Amino acid sequence: MSTLDYAKARELMVEQQVRPWDVLDARVLDALSAIPRDAFVPAAHRTLAYADVGLPLGHGESMMKPVVEGRMLQALDLHAGDEVLEIGTGSGFITACLGRLAREVVSIERHADLAEAAHARLSTLRLAGNVRIEHADAFAWTNERRFDAICVTGAVDAIPALFRDWLRPGGRMFVVHGRSPSMDAVLVRNDVNGARIESLFETEIPYLVGAAPVPTFEL
């Protein structure tokens, strides 16, 4: 597939998949239109870069469907001055989108090879200027910093209090929680009276390592 074909596929993805799923934020649509998703997809699956499917990345991780990525970015309502934490770098595509929408992005990735590959892609595309990728396990990450927004790209059984603690007052976090086959994508707002959770839509994505349900055994 040529570069021209990828460009057309990207346009169709935005107009026929993402926009019809109520993603109407012009800045989000601009980011999805401008950033070449195919450059972040493993070579074996590159022809599916703009299809309405999740794509495997290795280690049990995957890229979300484009429609879910669009809804996630819109829900976070990012502003040009925001500082953002991404939990789960994966391919680096969402990292690139966050970097286009916000002032600064810190992205943590448990798997060293994924972190290195994502950094290489961002650097090659000259999208790494306001992005820092760290190789770390989110559940063991030592961090005193607070963020305006947090984007969690893997599911959790229950929303960790640790993640909420990294939000500034008034901050918001996108996270998918619950159990297959019906997980709930939510926006958690860190209001003065505590966390307020807004349900957005149902979806299903792989769990973050360490965040899956604990198996139960019945006699």
N, C-alpha and C. Protein backbone atom coordinates (compact mmCIF):
# COMPACT_ATOMS: atom_id res chain seq x y z
N MET A 1 0.85 -1.20 0.00
CA MET A 1 0.00 0.00 0.00
C MET A 1 0.88 1.24 0.00
N SER A 2 0.59 2.18 -0.87
CA SER A 2 1.42 3.37 -0.99
C SER A 2 1.10 4.37 0.09
N THR A 3 1.97 5.39 0.19
CA THR A 3 1.74 6.46 1.15
C THR A 3 0.43 7.17 0.84
N LEU A 4 0.14 7.35 -0.44
CA LEU A 4 -1.10 8.01 -0.84
C LEU A 4 -2.31 7.21 -0.39
N ASP A 5 -2.25 5.89 -0.53
CA ASP A 5 -3.34 5.05 -0.07
C ASP A 5 -3.53 5.16 1.45
N TYR A 6 -2.43 5.20 2.19
CA TYR A 6 -2.53 5.35 3.65
C TYR A 6 -3.18 6.69 4.00
N ALA A 7 -2.83 7.73 3.28
CA ALA A 7 -3.41 9.04 3.55
C ALA A 7 -4.93 9.01 3.31
N LYS A 8 -5.35 8.35 2.23
CA LYS A 8 -6.78 8.23 1.95
C LYS A 8 -7.46 7.38 3.02
N ALA A 9 -6.80 6.28 3.43
CA ALA A 9 -7.37 5.41 4.47
C ALA A 9 -7.53 6.18 5.79
N ARG A 10 -6.57 7.06 6.08
CA ARG A 10 -6.65 7.85 7.31
C ARG A 10 -7.84 8.81 7.26
N GLU A 11 -8.03 9.42 6.10
CA GLU A 11 -9.17 10.32 5.93
C GLU A 11 -10.49 9.57 6.10
N LEU A 12 -10.58 8.39 5.52
CA LEU A 12 -11.81 7.59 5.63
C LEU A 12 -12.03 7.13 7.07
N MET A 13 -10.95 6.78 7.77
CA MET A 13 -11.07 6.38 9.17
C MET A 13 -11.73 7.48 10.00
N VAL A 14 -11.27 8.71 9.80
CA VAL A 14 -11.81 9.83 10.55
C VAL A 14 -13.26 10.10 10.19
N GLU A 15 -13.56 10.10 8.89
CA GLU A 15 -14.89 10.50 8.42
C GLU A 15 -15.94 9.40 8.53
N GLN A 16 -15.52 8.13 8.40
CA GLN A 16 -16.51 7.04 8.36
C GLN A 16 -16.56 6.23 9.65
N GLN A 17 -15.51 6.30 10.48
CA GLN A 17 -15.51 5.56 11.73
C GLN A 17 -15.60 6.49 12.95
N VAL A 18 -14.63 7.40 13.05
CA VAL A 18 -14.48 8.18 14.28
C VAL A 18 -15.56 9.26 14.42
N ARG A 19 -15.73 10.08 13.41
CA ARG A 19 -16.71 11.16 13.51
C ARG A 19 -18.14 10.64 13.74
N PRO A 20 -18.58 9.58 13.04
CA PRO A 20 -19.93 9.07 13.29
C PRO A 20 -20.16 8.53 14.70
N TRP A 21 -19.07 8.26 15.43
CA TRP A 21 -19.21 7.78 16.81
C TRP A 21 -19.16 8.96 17.78
N ASP A 22 -19.69 10.08 17.34
CA ASP A 22 -19.84 11.29 18.16
C ASP A 22 -18.52 11.89 18.63
N VAL A 23 -17.47 11.68 17.85
CA VAL A 23 -16.22 12.39 18.13
C VAL A 23 -16.23 13.62 17.23
N LEU A 24 -16.53 14.78 17.83
CA LEU A 24 -16.74 16.00 17.07
C LEU A 24 -15.76 17.10 17.45
N ASP A 25 -14.89 16.84 18.43
CA ASP A 25 -13.89 17.81 18.85
C ASP A 25 -12.91 18.04 17.70
N ALA A 26 -12.85 19.27 17.20
CA ALA A 26 -12.04 19.57 16.02
C ALA A 26 -10.56 19.29 16.26
N ARG A 27 -10.06 19.55 17.47
CA ARG A 27 -8.63 19.33 17.74
C ARG A 27 -8.31 17.83 17.74
N VAL A 28 -9.22 17.02 18.25
CA VAL A 28 -9.01 15.57 18.25
C VAL A 28 -9.04 15.04 16.83
N LEU A 29 -10.01 15.46 16.05
CA LEU A 29 -10.10 15.02 14.66
C LEU A 29 -8.86 15.45 13.87
N ASP A 30 -8.37 16.65 14.18
CA ASP A 30 -7.16 17.14 13.51
C ASP A 30 -5.95 16.26 13.85
N ALA A 31 -5.83 15.87 15.13
CA ALA A 31 -4.72 15.02 15.53
C ALA A 31 -4.78 13.67 14.84
N LEU A 32 -5.97 13.07 14.80
CA LEU A 32 -6.13 11.77 14.17
C LEU A 32 -5.92 11.85 12.65
N SER A 33 -6.20 13.01 12.08
CA SER A 33 -6.00 13.20 10.65
C SER A 33 -4.54 13.45 10.30
N ALA A 34 -3.81 14.07 11.23
CA ALA A 34 -2.45 14.50 10.94
C ALA A 34 -1.39 13.45 11.26
N ILE A 35 -1.62 12.63 12.27
CA ILE A 35 -0.59 11.69 12.72
C ILE A 35 -0.75 10.36 11.98
N PRO A 36 0.29 9.89 11.32
CA PRO A 36 0.20 8.66 10.52
C PRO A 36 0.14 7.40 11.40
N ARG A 37 -1.05 6.93 11.63
CA ARG A 37 -1.23 5.74 12.49
C ARG A 37 -0.46 4.54 11.95
N ASP A 38 -0.36 4.45 10.62
CA ASP A 38 0.34 3.31 10.02
C ASP A 38 1.80 3.24 10.44
N ALA A 39 2.40 4.38 10.80
CA ALA A 39 3.80 4.39 11.21
C ALA A 39 4.00 3.77 12.59
N PHE A 40 2.90 3.57 13.34
CA PHE A 40 2.98 3.03 14.69
C PHE A 40 2.53 1.57 14.77
N VAL A 41 2.04 1.05 13.67
CA VAL A 41 1.51 -0.32 13.64
C VAL A 41 2.64 -1.29 13.27
N PRO A 42 2.75 -2.43 13.98
CA PRO A 42 3.75 -3.43 13.59
C PRO A 42 3.61 -3.81 12.11
N ALA A 43 4.73 -4.06 11.46
CA ALA A 43 4.74 -4.27 10.02
C ALA A 43 3.76 -5.35 9.56
N ALA A 44 3.62 -6.41 10.35
CA ALA A 44 2.75 -7.52 9.96
C ALA A 44 1.28 -7.12 9.85
N HIS A 45 0.91 -6.03 10.52
CA HIS A 45 -0.50 -5.62 10.55
C HIS A 45 -0.72 -4.24 9.93
N ARG A 46 0.28 -3.73 9.21
CA ARG A 46 0.21 -2.33 8.76
C ARG A 46 -0.94 -2.07 7.81
N THR A 47 -1.32 -3.05 7.01
CA THR A 47 -2.44 -2.83 6.08
C THR A 47 -3.77 -2.66 6.82
N LEU A 48 -3.80 -3.01 8.10
CA LEU A 48 -5.01 -2.85 8.91
C LEU A 48 -4.95 -1.61 9.81
N ALA A 49 -3.98 -0.73 9.56
CA ALA A 49 -3.76 0.41 10.44
C ALA A 49 -4.99 1.28 10.62
N TYR A 50 -5.84 1.36 9.60
CA TYR A 50 -7.01 2.26 9.67
C TYR A 50 -8.33 1.49 9.69
N ALA A 51 -8.25 0.19 9.96
CA ALA A 51 -9.45 -0.63 10.06
C ALA A 51 -10.07 -0.52 11.46
N ASP A 52 -11.32 -0.88 11.56
CA ASP A 52 -12.07 -0.78 12.83
C ASP A 52 -11.81 -2.03 13.68
N VAL A 53 -10.54 -2.25 14.00
CA VAL A 53 -10.15 -3.42 14.80
C VAL A 53 -9.01 -3.02 15.74
N GLY A 54 -8.87 -3.76 16.85
CA GLY A 54 -7.69 -3.63 17.69
C GLY A 54 -6.55 -4.42 17.06
N LEU A 55 -5.32 -3.98 17.28
CA LEU A 55 -4.17 -4.62 16.64
C LEU A 55 -3.15 -5.06 17.68
N PRO A 56 -2.66 -6.31 17.61
CA PRO A 56 -1.74 -6.82 18.62
C PRO A 56 -0.36 -6.16 18.54
N LEU A 57 0.23 -5.93 19.73
CA LEU A 57 1.54 -5.30 19.82
C LEU A 57 2.59 -6.22 20.44
N GLY A 58 2.15 -7.38 20.95
CA GLY A 58 3.05 -8.25 21.71
C GLY A 58 2.82 -8.08 23.20
N HIS A 59 3.26 -9.07 23.97
CA HIS A 59 3.10 -9.05 25.43
C HIS A 59 1.63 -9.01 25.85
N GLY A 60 0.73 -9.41 24.96
CA GLY A 60 -0.69 -9.36 25.28
C GLY A 60 -1.30 -7.98 25.16
N GLU A 61 -0.52 -6.99 24.72
CA GLU A 61 -1.03 -5.63 24.55
C GLU A 61 -1.55 -5.44 23.14
N SER A 62 -2.37 -4.41 22.97
CA SER A 62 -2.90 -4.13 21.64
C SER A 62 -3.20 -2.65 21.51
N MET A 63 -3.25 -2.19 20.25
CA MET A 63 -3.75 -0.85 19.95
C MET A 63 -5.27 -0.90 19.99
N MET A 64 -5.88 0.12 20.57
CA MET A 64 -7.33 0.21 20.60
C MET A 64 -7.87 0.45 19.19
N LYS A 65 -9.15 0.18 19.02
CA LYS A 65 -9.81 0.57 17.78
C LYS A 65 -9.75 2.10 17.64
N PRO A 66 -9.66 2.61 16.42
CA PRO A 66 -9.62 4.07 16.24
C PRO A 66 -10.80 4.80 16.89
N VAL A 67 -11.99 4.20 16.86
CA VAL A 67 -13.15 4.88 17.45
C VAL A 67 -12.98 5.04 18.96
N VAL A 68 -12.40 4.04 19.61
CA VAL A 68 -12.17 4.13 21.06
C VAL A 68 -11.10 5.18 21.35
N GLU A 69 -10.06 5.21 20.53
CA GLU A 69 -9.02 6.23 20.70
C GLU A 69 -9.61 7.63 20.58
N GLY A 70 -10.48 7.81 19.59
CA GLY A 70 -11.10 9.12 19.40
C GLY A 70 -11.97 9.53 20.58
N ARG A 71 -12.80 8.61 21.06
CA ARG A 71 -13.67 8.93 22.20
C ARG A 71 -12.84 9.21 23.45
N MET A 72 -11.76 8.47 23.63
CA MET A 72 -10.88 8.67 24.78
C MET A 72 -10.25 10.07 24.76
N LEU A 73 -9.69 10.44 23.61
CA LEU A 73 -9.04 11.75 23.50
C LEU A 73 -10.05 12.87 23.68
N GLN A 74 -11.25 12.70 23.15
CA GLN A 74 -12.28 13.73 23.31
C GLN A 74 -12.71 13.86 24.76
N ALA A 75 -12.88 12.73 25.44
CA ALA A 75 -13.33 12.76 26.84
C ALA A 75 -12.34 13.49 27.74
N LEU A 76 -11.05 13.37 27.45
CA LEU A 76 -10.04 14.00 28.29
C LEU A 76 -10.05 15.52 28.16
N ASP A 77 -10.63 16.04 27.07
CA ASP A 77 -10.79 17.49 26.88
C ASP A 77 -9.48 18.23 27.18
N LEU A 78 -8.44 17.87 26.45
CA LEU A 78 -7.11 18.41 26.73
C LEU A 78 -6.98 19.84 26.21
N HIS A 79 -6.20 20.62 26.96
CA HIS A 79 -5.92 22.01 26.59
C HIS A 79 -4.43 22.17 26.34
N ALA A 80 -4.08 23.24 25.65
CA ALA A 80 -2.70 23.43 25.21
C ALA A 80 -1.71 23.52 26.36
N GLY A 81 -2.16 23.90 27.55
CA GLY A 81 -1.26 24.03 28.68
C GLY A 81 -1.22 22.83 29.60
N ASP A 82 -1.94 21.76 29.26
CA ASP A 82 -2.07 20.61 30.17
C ASP A 82 -0.80 19.75 30.21
N GLU A 83 -0.57 19.18 31.39
CA GLU A 83 0.47 18.17 31.58
C GLU A 83 -0.24 16.84 31.76
N VAL A 84 0.16 15.85 30.95
CA VAL A 84 -0.59 14.59 30.85
C VAL A 84 0.30 13.40 31.19
N LEU A 85 -0.28 12.45 31.90
CA LEU A 85 0.37 11.16 32.16
C LEU A 85 -0.36 10.09 31.36
N GLU A 86 0.40 9.30 30.60
CA GLU A 86 -0.16 8.15 29.90
C GLU A 86 0.36 6.89 30.59
N ILE A 87 -0.55 6.01 30.98
CA ILE A 87 -0.17 4.75 31.60
C ILE A 87 -0.34 3.66 30.55
N GLY A 88 0.78 3.20 30.01
CA GLY A 88 0.77 2.22 28.94
C GLY A 88 1.05 2.86 27.59
N THR A 89 2.33 3.00 27.24
CA THR A 89 2.71 3.66 25.98
C THR A 89 2.27 2.85 24.76
N GLY A 90 2.43 1.52 24.84
CA GLY A 90 2.07 0.67 23.71
C GLY A 90 2.86 1.04 22.47
N SER A 91 2.16 1.32 21.39
CA SER A 91 2.81 1.64 20.11
C SER A 91 3.39 3.05 20.09
N GLY A 92 2.85 3.93 20.95
CA GLY A 92 3.25 5.33 20.94
C GLY A 92 2.30 6.22 20.15
N PHE A 93 1.27 5.63 19.51
CA PHE A 93 0.36 6.44 18.71
C PHE A 93 -0.45 7.41 19.57
N ILE A 94 -1.04 6.89 20.64
CA ILE A 94 -1.81 7.78 21.53
C ILE A 94 -0.88 8.80 22.18
N THR A 95 0.35 8.38 22.48
CA THR A 95 1.34 9.30 23.03
C THR A 95 1.52 10.49 22.09
N ALA A 96 1.63 10.19 20.79
CA ALA A 96 1.79 11.25 19.79
C ALA A 96 0.58 12.17 19.75
N CYS A 97 -0.62 11.59 19.83
CA CYS A 97 -1.84 12.40 19.83
C CYS A 97 -1.90 13.29 21.07
N LEU A 98 -1.57 12.73 22.22
CA LEU A 98 -1.56 13.51 23.46
C LEU A 98 -0.56 14.65 23.35
N GLY A 99 0.61 14.36 22.77
CA GLY A 99 1.63 15.39 22.61
C GLY A 99 1.18 16.53 21.72
N ARG A 100 0.34 16.22 20.75
CA ARG A 100 -0.17 17.27 19.86
C ARG A 100 -1.22 18.13 20.57
N LEU A 101 -1.94 17.53 21.52
CA LEU A 101 -3.06 18.22 22.17
C LEU A 101 -2.69 18.93 23.46
N ALA A 102 -1.57 18.54 24.08
CA ALA A 102 -1.21 19.06 25.41
C ALA A 102 0.19 19.65 25.41
N ARG A 103 0.56 20.27 26.52
CA ARG A 103 1.88 20.92 26.61
C ARG A 103 2.99 19.91 26.82
N GLU A 104 2.73 18.90 27.69
CA GLU A 104 3.77 17.93 28.01
C GLU A 104 3.13 16.58 28.32
N VAL A 105 3.81 15.50 27.91
CA VAL A 105 3.32 14.15 28.14
C VAL A 105 4.43 13.31 28.77
N VAL A 106 4.10 12.65 29.88
CA VAL A 106 4.96 11.62 30.44
C VAL A 106 4.23 10.30 30.22
N SER A 107 4.89 9.36 29.57
CA SER A 107 4.26 8.08 29.25
C SER A 107 5.10 6.96 29.84
N ILE A 108 4.45 6.05 30.57
CA ILE A 108 5.18 4.93 31.18
C ILE A 108 4.75 3.62 30.54
N GLU A 109 5.73 2.76 30.30
CA GLU A 109 5.50 1.50 29.63
C GLU A 109 6.28 0.40 30.35
N ARG A 110 5.58 -0.67 30.69
CA ARG A 110 6.18 -1.77 31.45
C ARG A 110 7.21 -2.56 30.65
N HIS A 111 7.00 -2.67 29.34
CA HIS A 111 7.85 -3.52 28.51
C HIS A 111 8.91 -2.67 27.80
N ALA A 112 10.18 -2.97 28.08
CA ALA A 112 11.28 -2.16 27.56
C ALA A 112 11.28 -2.09 26.04
N ASP A 113 11.00 -3.21 25.35
CA ASP A 113 11.06 -3.20 23.89
C ASP A 113 9.97 -2.31 23.29
N LEU A 114 8.79 -2.30 23.91
CA LEU A 114 7.72 -1.43 23.42
C LEU A 114 8.07 0.03 23.67
N ALA A 115 8.63 0.32 24.84
CA ALA A 115 9.02 1.70 25.17
C ALA A 115 10.07 2.20 24.19
N GLU A 116 11.06 1.37 23.89
CA GLU A 116 12.13 1.77 22.97
C GLU A 116 11.60 1.97 21.55
N ALA A 117 10.74 1.06 21.10
CA ALA A 117 10.19 1.17 19.75
C ALA A 117 9.31 2.42 19.62
N ALA A 118 8.51 2.70 20.64
CA ALA A 118 7.65 3.89 20.61
C ALA A 118 8.50 5.16 20.57
N HIS A 119 9.54 5.20 21.38
CA HIS A 119 10.42 6.37 21.39
C HIS A 119 11.06 6.56 20.01
N ALA A 120 11.49 5.46 19.39
CA ALA A 120 12.12 5.55 18.07
C ALA A 120 11.14 6.09 17.04
N ARG A 121 9.88 5.62 17.07
CA ARG A 121 8.88 6.10 16.12
C ARG A 121 8.62 7.59 16.30
N LEU A 122 8.44 8.01 17.54
CA LEU A 122 8.17 9.41 17.82
C LEU A 122 9.33 10.30 17.38
N SER A 123 10.55 9.82 17.63
CA SER A 123 11.73 10.59 17.24
C SER A 123 11.84 10.70 15.73
N THR A 124 11.61 9.59 15.03
CA THR A 124 11.69 9.58 13.57
C THR A 124 10.70 10.56 12.95
N LEU A 125 9.51 10.63 13.54
CA LEU A 125 8.45 11.51 13.03
C LEU A 125 8.54 12.92 13.60
N ARG A 126 9.56 13.15 14.42
CA ARG A 126 9.76 14.46 15.06
C ARG A 126 8.57 14.87 15.91
N LEU A 127 8.06 13.89 16.66
CA LEU A 127 6.91 14.12 17.55
C LEU A 127 7.29 13.95 19.02
N ALA A 128 8.60 13.86 19.30
CA ALA A 128 9.04 13.55 20.66
C ALA A 128 9.44 14.79 21.46
N GLY A 129 9.26 15.97 20.90
CA GLY A 129 9.76 17.17 21.55
C GLY A 129 9.19 17.45 22.93
N ASN A 130 7.91 17.16 23.13
CA ASN A 130 7.28 17.42 24.43
C ASN A 130 6.82 16.13 25.10
N VAL A 131 7.45 15.01 24.72
CA VAL A 131 7.07 13.69 25.23
C VAL A 131 8.27 13.02 25.90
N ARG A 132 8.03 12.42 27.07
CA ARG A 132 9.07 11.61 27.72
C ARG A 132 8.50 10.24 28.01
N ILE A 133 9.16 9.20 27.51
CA ILE A 133 8.73 7.82 27.75
C ILE A 133 9.64 7.20 28.80
N GLU A 134 9.04 6.61 29.81
CA GLU A 134 9.79 5.94 30.86
C GLU A 134 9.45 4.45 30.88
N HIS A 135 10.47 3.62 31.04
CA HIS A 135 10.26 2.18 31.20
C HIS A 135 10.00 1.93 32.68
N ALA A 136 8.73 1.64 33.00
CA ALA A 136 8.35 1.47 34.41
C ALA A 136 7.04 0.72 34.51
N ASP A 137 6.87 0.04 35.66
CA ASP A 137 5.60 -0.59 36.01
C ASP A 137 4.77 0.44 36.77
N ALA A 138 3.59 0.75 36.26
CA ALA A 138 2.77 1.79 36.88
C ALA A 138 2.50 1.53 38.36
N PHE A 139 2.41 0.26 38.74
CA PHE A 139 2.06 -0.07 40.12
C PHE A 139 3.27 -0.03 41.05
N ALA A 140 4.45 0.19 40.47
CA ALA A 140 5.66 0.31 41.29
C ALA A 140 6.39 1.62 41.00
N TRP A 141 5.75 2.51 40.27
CA TRP A 141 6.37 3.77 39.83
C TRP A 141 6.41 4.76 40.98
N THR A 142 7.58 5.30 41.23
CA THR A 142 7.73 6.33 42.28
C THR A 142 7.53 7.69 41.64
N ASN A 143 6.50 8.38 42.06
CA ASN A 143 6.15 9.65 41.42
C ASN A 143 5.50 10.59 42.42
N GLU A 144 6.06 11.78 42.53
CA GLU A 144 5.48 12.81 43.40
C GLU A 144 4.72 13.86 42.59
N ARG A 145 4.80 13.75 41.29
CA ARG A 145 4.21 14.77 40.42
C ARG A 145 2.70 14.57 40.27
N ARG A 146 1.99 15.65 39.99
CA ARG A 146 0.56 15.59 39.73
C ARG A 146 0.29 16.09 38.32
N PHE A 147 -0.77 15.56 37.70
CA PHE A 147 -1.05 15.85 36.30
C PHE A 147 -2.47 16.39 36.12
N ASP A 148 -2.64 17.15 35.04
CA ASP A 148 -3.98 17.67 34.70
C ASP A 148 -4.87 16.57 34.15
N ALA A 149 -4.26 15.60 33.48
CA ALA A 149 -5.04 14.51 32.88
C ALA A 149 -4.21 13.23 32.87
N ILE A 150 -4.91 12.11 33.01
CA ILE A 150 -4.27 10.79 32.95
C ILE A 150 -5.04 9.95 31.95
N CYS A 151 -4.30 9.30 31.07
CA CYS A 151 -4.87 8.43 30.04
C CYS A 151 -4.38 7.01 30.30
N VAL A 152 -5.28 6.12 30.67
CA VAL A 152 -4.92 4.73 30.98
C VAL A 152 -5.32 3.87 29.78
N THR A 153 -4.34 3.28 29.11
CA THR A 153 -4.62 2.60 27.85
C THR A 153 -4.86 1.10 27.99
N GLY A 154 -4.81 0.58 29.22
CA GLY A 154 -5.16 -0.81 29.48
C GLY A 154 -6.26 -0.84 30.53
N ALA A 155 -7.03 -1.91 30.53
CA ALA A 155 -8.15 -2.02 31.47
C ALA A 155 -7.67 -2.36 32.88
N VAL A 156 -8.53 -2.06 33.85
CA VAL A 156 -8.30 -2.44 35.25
C VAL A 156 -9.59 -3.07 35.78
N ASP A 157 -9.45 -4.01 36.69
CA ASP A 157 -10.64 -4.59 37.32
C ASP A 157 -11.32 -3.53 38.18
N ALA A 158 -10.55 -2.88 39.03
CA ALA A 158 -11.03 -1.77 39.85
C ALA A 158 -10.08 -0.59 39.66
N ILE A 159 -10.60 0.61 39.71
CA ILE A 159 -9.79 1.81 39.48
C ILE A 159 -8.83 2.02 40.66
N PRO A 160 -7.52 1.98 40.42
CA PRO A 160 -6.57 2.10 41.53
C PRO A 160 -6.56 3.50 42.14
N ALA A 161 -6.61 3.56 43.47
CA ALA A 161 -6.51 4.84 44.16
C ALA A 161 -5.19 5.53 43.84
N LEU A 162 -4.16 4.73 43.60
CA LEU A 162 -2.84 5.26 43.26
C LEU A 162 -2.91 6.17 42.04
N PHE A 163 -3.66 5.74 41.04
CA PHE A 163 -3.77 6.55 39.82
C PHE A 163 -4.49 7.87 40.12
N ARG A 164 -5.54 7.81 40.91
CA ARG A 164 -6.27 9.03 41.25
C ARG A 164 -5.39 10.01 42.02
N ASP A 165 -4.48 9.48 42.82
CA ASP A 165 -3.59 10.34 43.60
C ASP A 165 -2.67 11.16 42.72
N TRP A 166 -2.48 10.74 41.47
CA TRP A 166 -1.59 11.48 40.57
C TRP A 166 -2.30 12.61 39.83
N LEU A 167 -3.59 12.78 40.10
CA LEU A 167 -4.36 13.86 39.47
C LEU A 167 -4.28 15.13 40.31
N ARG A 168 -4.16 16.25 39.63
CA ARG A 168 -4.29 17.54 40.29
C ARG A 168 -5.75 17.79 40.63
N PRO A 169 -6.03 18.70 41.57
CA PRO A 169 -7.42 19.10 41.80
C PRO A 169 -8.02 19.61 40.49
N GLY A 170 -9.19 19.10 40.16
CA GLY A 170 -9.82 19.46 38.90
C GLY A 170 -9.36 18.61 37.73
N GLY A 171 -8.43 17.68 37.96
CA GLY A 171 -7.92 16.84 36.90
C GLY A 171 -8.91 15.76 36.52
N ARG A 172 -8.65 15.09 35.40
CA ARG A 172 -9.54 14.03 34.93
C ARG A 172 -8.72 12.87 34.38
N MET A 173 -9.30 11.69 34.49
CA MET A 173 -8.63 10.46 34.06
C MET A 173 -9.59 9.61 33.24
N PHE A 174 -9.13 9.16 32.09
CA PHE A 174 -9.87 8.17 31.29
C PHE A 174 -9.35 6.80 31.65
N VAL A 175 -10.27 5.87 31.95
CA VAL A 175 -9.86 4.51 32.28
C VAL A 175 -11.01 3.56 31.95
N VAL A 176 -10.66 2.36 31.54
CA VAL A 176 -11.65 1.30 31.28
C VAL A 176 -11.56 0.32 32.44
N HIS A 177 -12.72 0.05 33.08
CA HIS A 177 -12.68 -0.88 34.21
C HIS A 177 -13.83 -1.87 34.13
N GLY A 178 -13.68 -2.92 34.93
CA GLY A 178 -14.72 -3.95 34.95
C GLY A 178 -14.19 -5.27 34.43
N ARG A 179 -15.14 -6.14 34.08
CA ARG A 179 -14.78 -7.49 33.66
C ARG A 179 -15.40 -7.83 32.31
N SER A 180 -14.64 -8.58 31.52
CA SER A 180 -15.10 -9.02 30.21
C SER A 180 -16.38 -9.84 30.36
N PRO A 181 -17.31 -9.72 29.44
CA PRO A 181 -17.24 -9.02 28.15
C PRO A 181 -17.80 -7.60 28.19
N SER A 182 -18.15 -7.09 29.35
CA SER A 182 -18.78 -5.77 29.42
C SER A 182 -17.99 -4.86 30.34
N MET A 183 -16.98 -4.19 29.78
CA MET A 183 -16.20 -3.22 30.54
C MET A 183 -16.76 -1.83 30.31
N ASP A 184 -16.54 -0.95 31.27
CA ASP A 184 -17.09 0.40 31.23
C ASP A 184 -15.95 1.41 31.08
N ALA A 185 -15.98 2.18 30.02
CA ALA A 185 -15.04 3.29 29.86
C ALA A 185 -15.60 4.49 30.61
N VAL A 186 -14.79 5.06 31.50
CA VAL A 186 -15.29 6.14 32.35
C VAL A 186 -14.30 7.31 32.37
N LEU A 187 -14.81 8.46 32.79
CA LEU A 187 -13.98 9.62 33.06
C LEU A 187 -14.08 9.89 34.55
N VAL A 188 -12.93 9.87 35.23
CA VAL A 188 -12.87 10.14 36.66
C VAL A 188 -12.43 11.59 36.84
N ARG A 189 -13.25 12.38 37.52
CA ARG A 189 -12.91 13.79 37.77
C ARG A 189 -12.51 13.95 39.24
N ASN A 190 -11.40 14.60 39.47
CA ASN A 190 -10.90 14.82 40.82
C ASN A 190 -11.45 16.14 41.35
N ASP A 191 -12.71 16.11 41.80
CA ASP A 191 -13.39 17.31 42.29
C ASP A 191 -13.06 17.56 43.76
N VAL A 192 -13.46 18.74 44.24
CA VAL A 192 -13.15 19.12 45.63
C VAL A 192 -13.82 18.18 46.62
N ASN A 193 -14.93 17.58 46.23
CA ASN A 193 -15.64 16.67 47.14
C ASN A 193 -15.27 15.20 46.92
N GLY A 194 -14.17 14.97 46.20
CA GLY A 194 -13.74 13.59 45.94
C GLY A 194 -13.91 13.24 44.48
N ALA A 195 -13.67 11.98 44.17
CA ALA A 195 -13.73 11.52 42.79
C ALA A 195 -15.18 11.43 42.31
N ARG A 196 -15.40 11.93 41.11
CA ARG A 196 -16.71 11.81 40.47
C ARG A 196 -16.51 11.04 39.18
N ILE A 197 -17.28 9.97 39.00
CA ILE A 197 -17.09 9.06 37.87
C ILE A 197 -18.25 9.18 36.89
N GLU A 198 -17.91 9.44 35.65
CA GLU A 198 -18.90 9.57 34.58
C GLU A 198 -18.73 8.40 33.61
N SER A 199 -19.78 7.62 33.44
CA SER A 199 -19.73 6.50 32.50
C SER A 199 -19.86 7.03 31.07
N LEU A 200 -18.99 6.54 30.18
CA LEU A 200 -18.95 7.03 28.81
C LEU A 200 -19.52 6.03 27.80
N PHE A 201 -18.98 4.81 27.79
CA PHE A 201 -19.44 3.80 26.84
C PHE A 201 -18.88 2.45 27.26
N GLU A 202 -19.42 1.39 26.68
CA GLU A 202 -18.92 0.04 26.94
C GLU A 202 -17.91 -0.34 25.88
N THR A 203 -16.88 -1.07 26.29
CA THR A 203 -15.87 -1.55 25.36
C THR A 203 -15.17 -2.73 26.00
N GLU A 204 -14.16 -3.25 25.35
CA GLU A 204 -13.35 -4.33 25.92
C GLU A 204 -11.93 -4.21 25.40
N ILE A 205 -10.96 -4.07 26.31
CA ILE A 205 -9.55 -3.99 25.95
C ILE A 205 -8.76 -4.85 26.92
N PRO A 206 -7.52 -5.24 26.57
CA PRO A 206 -6.72 -6.06 27.48
C PRO A 206 -6.40 -5.32 28.78
N TYR A 207 -6.23 -6.10 29.85
CA TYR A 207 -5.89 -5.51 31.16
C TYR A 207 -4.44 -5.06 31.20
N LEU A 208 -4.19 -4.00 31.97
CA LEU A 208 -2.82 -3.70 32.37
C LEU A 208 -2.29 -4.89 33.16
N VAL A 209 -0.98 -5.15 33.02
CA VAL A 209 -0.37 -6.20 33.84
C VAL A 209 -0.48 -5.81 35.31
N GLY A 210 -1.05 -6.71 36.11
CA GLY A 210 -1.23 -6.43 37.53
C GLY A 210 -2.58 -5.86 37.88
N ALA A 211 -3.43 -5.63 36.87
CA ALA A 211 -4.73 -5.02 37.13
C ALA A 211 -5.90 -5.91 36.76
N ALA A 212 -5.62 -7.16 36.40
CA ALA A 212 -6.69 -8.09 36.03
C ALA A 212 -7.39 -8.60 37.29
N PRO A 213 -8.61 -9.12 37.15
CA PRO A 213 -9.31 -9.68 38.31
C PRO A 213 -8.52 -10.82 38.93
N VAL A 214 -8.59 -10.92 40.23
CA VAL A 214 -7.96 -12.04 40.93
C VAL A 214 -8.83 -13.27 40.69
N PRO A 215 -8.24 -14.37 40.22
CA PRO A 215 -9.05 -15.57 39.95
C PRO A 215 -9.73 -16.06 41.23
N THR A 216 -10.95 -16.51 41.08
CA THR A 216 -11.67 -17.10 42.21
C THR A 216 -11.86 -18.58 41.96
N PHE A 217 -11.77 -19.35 43.01
CA PHE A 217 -11.91 -20.81 42.89
C PHE A 217 -13.12 -21.26 43.68
N GLU A 218 -13.95 -22.03 43.02
CA GLU A 218 -15.16 -22.52 43.69
C GLU A 218 -15.03 -24.02 43.87
N LEU A 219 -15.43 -24.47 45.03
CA LEU A 219 -15.40 -25.91 45.32
C LEU A 219 -16.64 -26.58 44.71
